PDB file of N, CA and C in Angstrom:
ATOM      1  N   MET A   1      -3.985   9.439  10.304  1.00  0.00           N
ATOM      2  CA  MET A   1      -4.733   8.194  10.433  1.00  0.00           C
ATOM      3  C   MET A   1      -4.868   7.852  11.914  1.00  0.00           C
ATOM      4  N   CYS A   2      -6.008   7.438  12.295  1.00  0.00           N
ATOM      5  CA  CYS A   2      -6.292   7.062  13.666  1.00  0.00           C
ATOM      6  C   CYS A   2      -5.532   5.784  14.025  1.00  0.00           C
ATOM      7  N   TYR A   3      -4.853   5.792  15.155  1.00  0.00           N
ATOM      8  CA  TYR A   3      -4.063   4.633  15.569  1.00  0.00           C
ATOM      9  C   TYR A   3      -4.930   3.392  15.730  1.00  0.00           C
ATOM     10  N   ARG A   4      -6.122   3.552  16.320  1.00  0.00           N
ATOM     11  CA  ARG A   4      -7.014   2.395  16.489  1.00  0.00           C
ATOM     12  C   ARG A   4      -7.414   1.806  15.143  1.00  0.00           C
ATOM     13  N   HIS A   5      -7.637   2.683  14.189  1.00  0.00           N
ATOM     14  CA  HIS A   5      -7.995   2.230  12.850  1.00  0.00           C
ATOM     15  C   HIS A   5      -6.829   1.444  12.231  1.00  0.00           C
ATOM     16  N   PHE A   6      -5.613   1.955  12.383  1.00  0.00           N
ATOM     17  CA  PHE A   6      -4.431   1.307  11.820  1.00  0.00           C
ATOM     18  C   PHE A   6      -4.249  -0.091  12.394  1.00  0.00           C
ATOM     19  N   GLU A   7      -4.484  -0.248  13.670  1.00  0.00           N
ATOM     20  CA  GLU A   7      -4.308  -1.546  14.330  1.00  0.00           C
ATOM     21  C   GLU A   7      -5.242  -2.617  13.778  1.00  0.00           C
ATOM     22  N   LYS A   8      -6.379  -2.234  13.252  1.00  0.00           N
ATOM     23  CA  LYS A   8      -7.354  -3.199  12.743  1.00  0.00           C
ATOM     24  C   LYS A   8      -7.052  -3.652  11.316  1.00  0.00           C
ATOM     25  N   LEU A   9      -6.115  -2.979  10.646  1.00  0.00           N
ATOM     26  CA  LEU A   9      -5.820  -3.295   9.251  1.00  0.00           C
ATOM     27  C   LEU A   9      -5.036  -4.601   9.116  1.00  0.00           C
ATOM     28  N   ASP A  10      -5.162  -5.198   7.956  1.00  0.00           N
ATOM     29  CA  ASP A  10      -4.399  -6.381   7.591  1.00  0.00           C
ATOM     30  C   ASP A  10      -2.906  -6.036   7.629  1.00  0.00           C
ATOM     31  N   ASP A  11      -2.063  -6.978   8.051  1.00  0.00           N
ATOM     32  CA  ASP A  11      -0.627  -6.725   8.154  1.00  0.00           C
ATOM     33  C   ASP A  11      -0.012  -6.290   6.831  1.00  0.00           C
ATOM     34  N   ASP A  12      -0.443  -6.869   5.727  1.00  0.00           N
ATOM     35  CA  ASP A  12       0.089  -6.482   4.418  1.00  0.00           C
ATOM     36  C   ASP A  12      -0.237  -5.035   4.092  1.00  0.00           C
ATOM     37  N   VAL A  13      -1.426  -4.609   4.446  1.00  0.00           N
ATOM     38  CA  VAL A  13      -1.825  -3.230   4.189  1.00  0.00           C
ATOM     39  C   VAL A  13      -1.043  -2.288   5.101  1.00  0.00           C
ATOM     40  N   LYS A  14      -0.816  -2.679   6.333  1.00  0.00           N
ATOM     41  CA  LYS A  14      -0.005  -1.866   7.245  1.00  0.00           C
ATOM     42  C   LYS A  14       1.391  -1.654   6.666  1.00  0.00           C
ATOM     43  N   LYS A  15       1.988  -2.734   6.161  1.00  0.00           N
ATOM     44  CA  LYS A  15       3.323  -2.629   5.557  1.00  0.00           C
ATOM     45  C   LYS A  15       3.298  -1.721   4.341  1.00  0.00           C
ATOM     46  N   MET A  16       2.243  -1.838   3.532  1.00  0.00           N
ATOM     47  CA  MET A  16       2.106  -1.000   2.342  1.00  0.00           C
ATOM     48  C   MET A  16       2.029   0.474   2.730  1.00  0.00           C
ATOM     49  N   ILE A  17       1.222   0.788   3.719  1.00  0.00           N
ATOM     50  CA  ILE A  17       1.068   2.173   4.171  1.00  0.00           C
ATOM     51  C   ILE A  17       2.390   2.709   4.689  1.00  0.00           C
ATOM     52  N   GLN A  18       3.044   1.944   5.538  1.00  0.00           N
ATOM     53  CA  GLN A  18       4.307   2.395   6.127  1.00  0.00           C
ATOM     54  C   GLN A  18       5.365   2.602   5.055  1.00  0.00           C
ATOM     55  N   TRP A  19       5.455   1.648   4.122  1.00  0.00           N
ATOM     56  CA  TRP A  19       6.433   1.746   3.036  1.00  0.00           C
ATOM     57  C   TRP A  19       6.142   2.984   2.186  1.00  0.00           C
ATOM     58  N   ARG A  20       4.879   3.198   1.847  1.00  0.00           N
ATOM     59  CA  ARG A  20       4.486   4.334   1.013  1.00  0.00           C
ATOM     60  C   ARG A  20       4.807   5.654   1.695  1.00  0.00           C
ATOM     61  N   LYS A  21       4.487   5.756   2.970  1.00  0.00           N
ATOM     62  CA  LYS A  21       4.717   6.999   3.699  1.00  0.00           C
ATOM     63  C   LYS A  21       6.199   7.249   3.948  1.00  0.00           C
ATOM     64  N   ASP A  22       6.964   6.202   4.239  1.00  0.00           N
ATOM     65  CA  ASP A  22       8.410   6.352   4.452  1.00  0.00           C
ATOM     66  C   ASP A  22       9.113   6.907   3.224  1.00  0.00           C
ATOM     67  N   ARG A  23       8.577   6.611   2.048  1.00  0.00           N
ATOM     68  CA  ARG A  23       9.190   7.041   0.791  1.00  0.00           C
ATOM     69  C   ARG A  23       8.457   8.209   0.137  1.00  0.00           C
ATOM     70  N   ASN A  24       7.494   8.757   0.854  1.00  0.00           N
ATOM     71  CA  ASN A  24       6.716   9.895   0.341  1.00  0.00           C
ATOM     72  C   ASN A  24       6.095   9.600  -1.023  1.00  0.00           C
ATOM     73  N   ILE A  25       5.574   8.402  -1.176  1.00  0.00           N
ATOM     74  CA  ILE A  25       4.916   8.006  -2.419  1.00  0.00           C
ATOM     75  C   ILE A  25       3.427   8.321  -2.274  1.00  0.00           C
ATOM     76  N   PRO A  26       2.899   9.176  -3.145  1.00  0.00           N
ATOM     77  CA  PRO A  26       1.464   9.490  -3.054  1.00  0.00           C
ATOM     78  C   PRO A  26       0.604   8.301  -3.472  1.00  0.00           C
ATOM     79  N   GLN A  27      -0.628   8.305  -3.002  1.00  0.00           N
ATOM     80  CA  GLN A  27      -1.548   7.214  -3.336  1.00  0.00           C
ATOM     81  C   GLN A  27      -1.690   7.026  -4.839  1.00  0.00           C
ATOM     82  N   ILE A  28      -1.693   8.108  -5.586  1.00  0.00           N
ATOM     83  CA  ILE A  28      -1.881   7.995  -7.035  1.00  0.00           C
ATOM     84  C   ILE A  28      -0.718   7.237  -7.683  1.00  0.00           C
ATOM     85  N   GLN A  29       0.488   7.468  -7.202  1.00  0.00           N
ATOM     86  CA  GLN A  29       1.651   6.761  -7.756  1.00  0.00           C
ATOM     87  C   GLN A  29       1.593   5.278  -7.398  1.00  0.00           C
ATOM     88  N   LEU A  30       1.216   4.969  -6.166  1.00  0.00           N
ATOM     89  CA  LEU A  30       1.086   3.572  -5.761  1.00  0.00           C
ATOM     90  C   LEU A  30      -0.015   2.894  -6.563  1.00  0.00           C
ATOM     91  N   ALA A  31      -1.101   3.603  -6.794  1.00  0.00           N
ATOM     92  CA  ALA A  31      -2.205   3.059  -7.594  1.00  0.00           C
ATOM     93  C   ALA A  31      -1.712   2.697  -8.994  1.00  0.00           C
ATOM     94  N   GLU A  32      -0.918   3.557  -9.588  1.00  0.00           N
ATOM     95  CA  GLU A  32      -0.368   3.272 -10.915  1.00  0.00           C
ATOM     96  C   GLU A  32       0.538   2.044 -10.886  1.00  0.00           C
ATOM     97  N   MET A  33       1.325   1.917  -9.835  1.00  0.00           N
ATOM     98  CA  MET A  33       2.224   0.765  -9.700  1.00  0.00           C
ATOM     99  C   MET A  33       1.444  -0.548  -9.637  1.00  0.00           C
ATOM    100  N   LEU A  34       0.312  -0.515  -8.945  1.00  0.00           N
ATOM    101  CA  LEU A  34      -0.466  -1.734  -8.719  1.00  0.00           C
ATOM    102  C   LEU A  34      -1.575  -1.933  -9.751  1.00  0.00           C
ATOM    103  N   TYR A  35      -1.693  -0.994 -10.691  1.00  0.00           N
ATOM    104  CA  TYR A  35      -2.736  -1.061 -11.732  1.00  0.00           C
ATOM    105  C   TYR A  35      -4.141  -1.056 -11.130  1.00  0.00           C
ATOM    106  N   VAL A  36      -4.333  -0.174 -10.152  1.00  0.00           N
ATOM    107  CA  VAL A  36      -5.644   0.002  -9.526  1.00  0.00           C
ATOM    108  C   VAL A  36      -5.933   1.500  -9.474  1.00  0.00           C
ATOM    109  N   SER A  37      -7.128   1.857  -9.059  1.00  0.00           N
ATOM    110  CA  SER A  37      -7.475   3.273  -8.933  1.00  0.00           C
ATOM    111  C   SER A  37      -6.992   3.832  -7.596  1.00  0.00           C
ATOM    112  N   THR A  38      -6.939   5.137  -7.546  1.00  0.00           N
ATOM    113  CA  THR A  38      -6.587   5.807  -6.290  1.00  0.00           C
ATOM    114  C   THR A  38      -7.636   5.498  -5.221  1.00  0.00           C
ATOM    115  N   ALA A  39      -8.889   5.386  -5.637  1.00  0.00           N
ATOM    116  CA  ALA A  39      -9.956   5.038  -4.695  1.00  0.00           C
ATOM    117  C   ALA A  39      -9.715   3.662  -4.087  1.00  0.00           C
ATOM    118  N   THR A  40      -9.181   2.744  -4.881  1.00  0.00           N
ATOM    119  CA  THR A  40      -8.882   1.404  -4.364  1.00  0.00           C
ATOM    120  C   THR A  40      -7.811   1.473  -3.283  1.00  0.00           C
ATOM    121  N   ILE A  41      -6.759   2.255  -3.510  1.00  0.00           N
ATOM    122  CA  ILE A  41      -5.699   2.415  -2.503  1.00  0.00           C
ATOM    123  C   ILE A  41      -6.291   3.029  -1.238  1.00  0.00           C
ATOM    124  N   SER A  42      -7.104   4.046  -1.403  1.00  0.00           N
ATOM    125  CA  SER A  42      -7.752   4.683  -0.260  1.00  0.00           C
ATOM    126  C   SER A  42      -8.602   3.681   0.514  1.00  0.00           C
ATOM    127  N   ASN A  43      -9.364   2.883  -0.204  1.00  0.00           N
ATOM    128  CA  ASN A  43     -10.207   1.877   0.455  1.00  0.00           C
ATOM    129  C   ASN A  43      -9.366   0.842   1.191  1.00  0.00           C
ATOM    130  N   MET A  44      -8.241   0.450   0.625  1.00  0.00           N
ATOM    131  CA  MET A  44      -7.352  -0.495   1.317  1.00  0.00           C
ATOM    132  C   MET A  44      -6.833   0.123   2.606  1.00  0.00           C
ATOM    133  N   GLU A  45      -6.400   1.373   2.515  1.00  0.00           N
ATOM    134  CA  GLU A  45      -5.811   2.036   3.675  1.00  0.00           C
ATOM    135  C   GLU A  45      -6.839   2.356   4.754  1.00  0.00           C
ATOM    136  N   ARG A  46      -8.114   2.358   4.402  1.00  0.00           N
ATOM    137  CA  ARG A  46      -9.175   2.574   5.389  1.00  0.00           C
ATOM    138  C   ARG A  46      -9.802   1.266   5.858  1.00  0.00           C
ATOM    139  N   GLY A  47      -9.284   0.140   5.361  1.00  0.00           N
ATOM    140  CA  GLY A  47      -9.788  -1.161   5.790  1.00  0.00           C
ATOM    141  C   GLY A  47     -11.057  -1.604   5.092  1.00  0.00           C
ATOM    142  N   LYS A  48     -11.422  -0.956   4.010  1.00  0.00           N
ATOM    143  CA  LYS A  48     -12.651  -1.300   3.296  1.00  0.00           C
ATOM    144  C   LYS A  48     -12.406  -2.306   2.173  1.00  0.00           C
ATOM    145  N   ARG A  49     -11.136  -2.583   1.880  1.00  0.00           N
ATOM    146  CA  ARG A  49     -10.796  -3.538   0.823  1.00  0.00           C
ATOM    147  C   ARG A  49      -9.468  -4.184   1.157  1.00  0.00           C
ATOM    148  N   LYS A  50      -9.369  -5.469   0.881  1.00  0.00           N
ATOM    149  CA  LYS A  50      -8.120  -6.195   1.135  1.00  0.00           C
ATOM    150  C   LYS A  50      -7.199  -6.110  -0.081  1.00  0.00           C
ATOM    151  N   LEU A  51      -5.945  -6.343   0.166  1.00  0.00           N
ATOM    152  CA  LEU A  51      -4.938  -6.421  -0.878  1.00  0.00           C
ATOM    153  C   LEU A  51      -5.034  -7.801  -1.513  1.00  0.00           C
ATOM    154  N   ARG A  52      -5.283  -7.855  -2.808  1.00  0.00           N
ATOM    155  CA  ARG A  52      -5.420  -9.134  -3.510  1.00  0.00           C
ATOM    156  C   ARG A  52      -4.037  -9.749  -3.746  1.00  0.00           C
ATOM    157  N   PRO A  53      -3.979 -11.080  -3.908  1.00  0.00           N
ATOM    158  CA  PRO A  53      -2.676 -11.743  -4.082  1.00  0.00           C
ATOM    159  C   PRO A  53      -1.835 -11.168  -5.227  1.00  0.00           C
ATOM    160  N   GLU A  54      -2.449 -10.879  -6.362  1.00  0.00           N
ATOM    161  CA  GLU A  54      -1.682 -10.342  -7.489  1.00  0.00           C
ATOM    162  C   GLU A  54      -1.196  -8.919  -7.205  1.00  0.00           C
ATOM    163  N   GLU A  55      -1.967  -8.158  -6.450  1.00  0.00           N
ATOM    164  CA  GLU A  55      -1.558  -6.813  -6.062  1.00  0.00           C
ATOM    165  C   GLU A  55      -0.417  -6.893  -5.050  1.00  0.00           C
ATOM    166  N   LYS A  56      -0.521  -7.834  -4.139  1.00  0.00           N
ATOM    167  CA  LYS A  56       0.535  -8.020  -3.151  1.00  0.00           C
ATOM    168  C   LYS A  56       1.849  -8.393  -3.838  1.00  0.00           C
ATOM    169  N   GLN A  57       1.785  -9.269  -4.821  1.00  0.00           N
ATOM    170  CA  GLN A  57       2.985  -9.672  -5.540  1.00  0.00           C
ATOM    171  C   GLN A  57       3.622  -8.475  -6.246  1.00  0.00           C
ATOM    172  N   ARG A  58       2.806  -7.653  -6.919  1.00  0.00           N
ATOM    173  CA  ARG A  58       3.318  -6.449  -7.579  1.00  0.00           C
ATOM    174  C   ARG A  58       3.923  -5.495  -6.561  1.00  0.00           C
ATOM    175  N   LEU A  59       3.231  -5.325  -5.437  1.00  0.00           N
ATOM    176  CA  LEU A  59       3.710  -4.432  -4.393  1.00  0.00           C
ATOM    177  C   LEU A  59       5.060  -4.903  -3.867  1.00  0.00           C
ATOM    178  N   LEU A  60       5.184  -6.184  -3.575  1.00  0.00           N
ATOM    179  CA  LEU A  60       6.454  -6.715  -3.070  1.00  0.00           C
ATOM    180  C   LEU A  60       7.578  -6.502  -4.073  1.00  0.00           C
ATOM    181  N   SER A  61       7.279  -6.666  -5.335  1.00  0.00           N
ATOM    182  CA  SER A  61       8.262  -6.444  -6.384  1.00  0.00           C
ATOM    183  C   SER A  61       8.731  -4.986  -6.387  1.00  0.00           C
ATOM    184  N   TYR A  62       7.792  -4.043  -6.304  1.00  0.00           N
ATOM    185  CA  TYR A  62       8.146  -2.630  -6.264  1.00  0.00           C
ATOM    186  C   TYR A  62       8.888  -2.284  -4.984  1.00  0.00           C
ATOM    187  N   MET A  63       8.457  -2.836  -3.869  1.00  0.00           N
ATOM    188  CA  MET A  63       9.123  -2.562  -2.604  1.00  0.00           C
ATOM    189  C   MET A  63      10.581  -2.995  -2.673  1.00  0.00           C
ATOM    190  N   ASP A  64      10.828  -4.175  -3.207  1.00  0.00           N
ATOM    191  CA  ASP A  64      12.200  -4.678  -3.339  1.00  0.00           C
ATOM    192  C   ASP A  64      13.024  -3.796  -4.267  1.00  0.00           C
ATOM    193  N   SER A  65      12.465  -3.460  -5.420  1.00  0.00           N
ATOM    194  CA  SER A  65      13.228  -2.689  -6.400  1.00  0.00           C
ATOM    195  C   SER A  65      13.517  -1.258  -5.894  1.00  0.00           C
ATOM    196  N   LEU A  66      12.545  -0.631  -5.263  1.00  0.00           N
ATOM    197  CA  LEU A  66      12.752   0.739  -4.779  1.00  0.00           C
ATOM    198  C   LEU A  66      13.567   0.777  -3.505  1.00  0.00           C
ATOM    199  N   THR A  67      13.525  -0.268  -2.701  1.00  0.00           N
ATOM    200  CA  THR A  67      14.320  -0.312  -1.478  1.00  0.00           C
ATOM    201  C   THR A  67      15.801  -0.432  -1.810  1.00  0.00           C
ATOM    202  N   PHE A  68      16.135  -1.249  -2.796  1.00  0.00           N
ATOM    203  CA  PHE A  68      17.528  -1.442  -3.147  1.00  0.00           C
ATOM    204  C   PHE A  68      18.118  -0.235  -3.877  1.00  0.00           C
ATOM    205  N   ARG A  69      17.276   0.538  -4.539  1.00  0.00           N
ATOM    206  CA  ARG A  69      17.744   1.717  -5.248  1.00  0.00           C
ATOM    207  C   ARG A  69      18.057   2.870  -4.291  1.00  0.00           C
ATOM    208  N   GLY A  70      17.470   2.831  -3.138  1.00  0.00           N
ATOM    209  CA  GLY A  70      17.747   3.879  -2.170  1.00  0.00           C
ATOM    210  C   GLY A  70      16.523   4.620  -1.881  1.00  0.00           C
TER     211      GLY A  70
END
């Protein structure tokens, strides 16, 4: 991913990308967690779509549960 592109992303999306990559979670698995398509995750990570409040809430829930598990 281009650094300049990453800097323009919403902070929530930046956190999502970093969390996903740190845990080697593929886009398809994250899409399943958030009940969206893989294309939606791709669009978020490219700055073409924002993270909706309900998606953010689900993401935070998964981040907390998977972070505490190790």
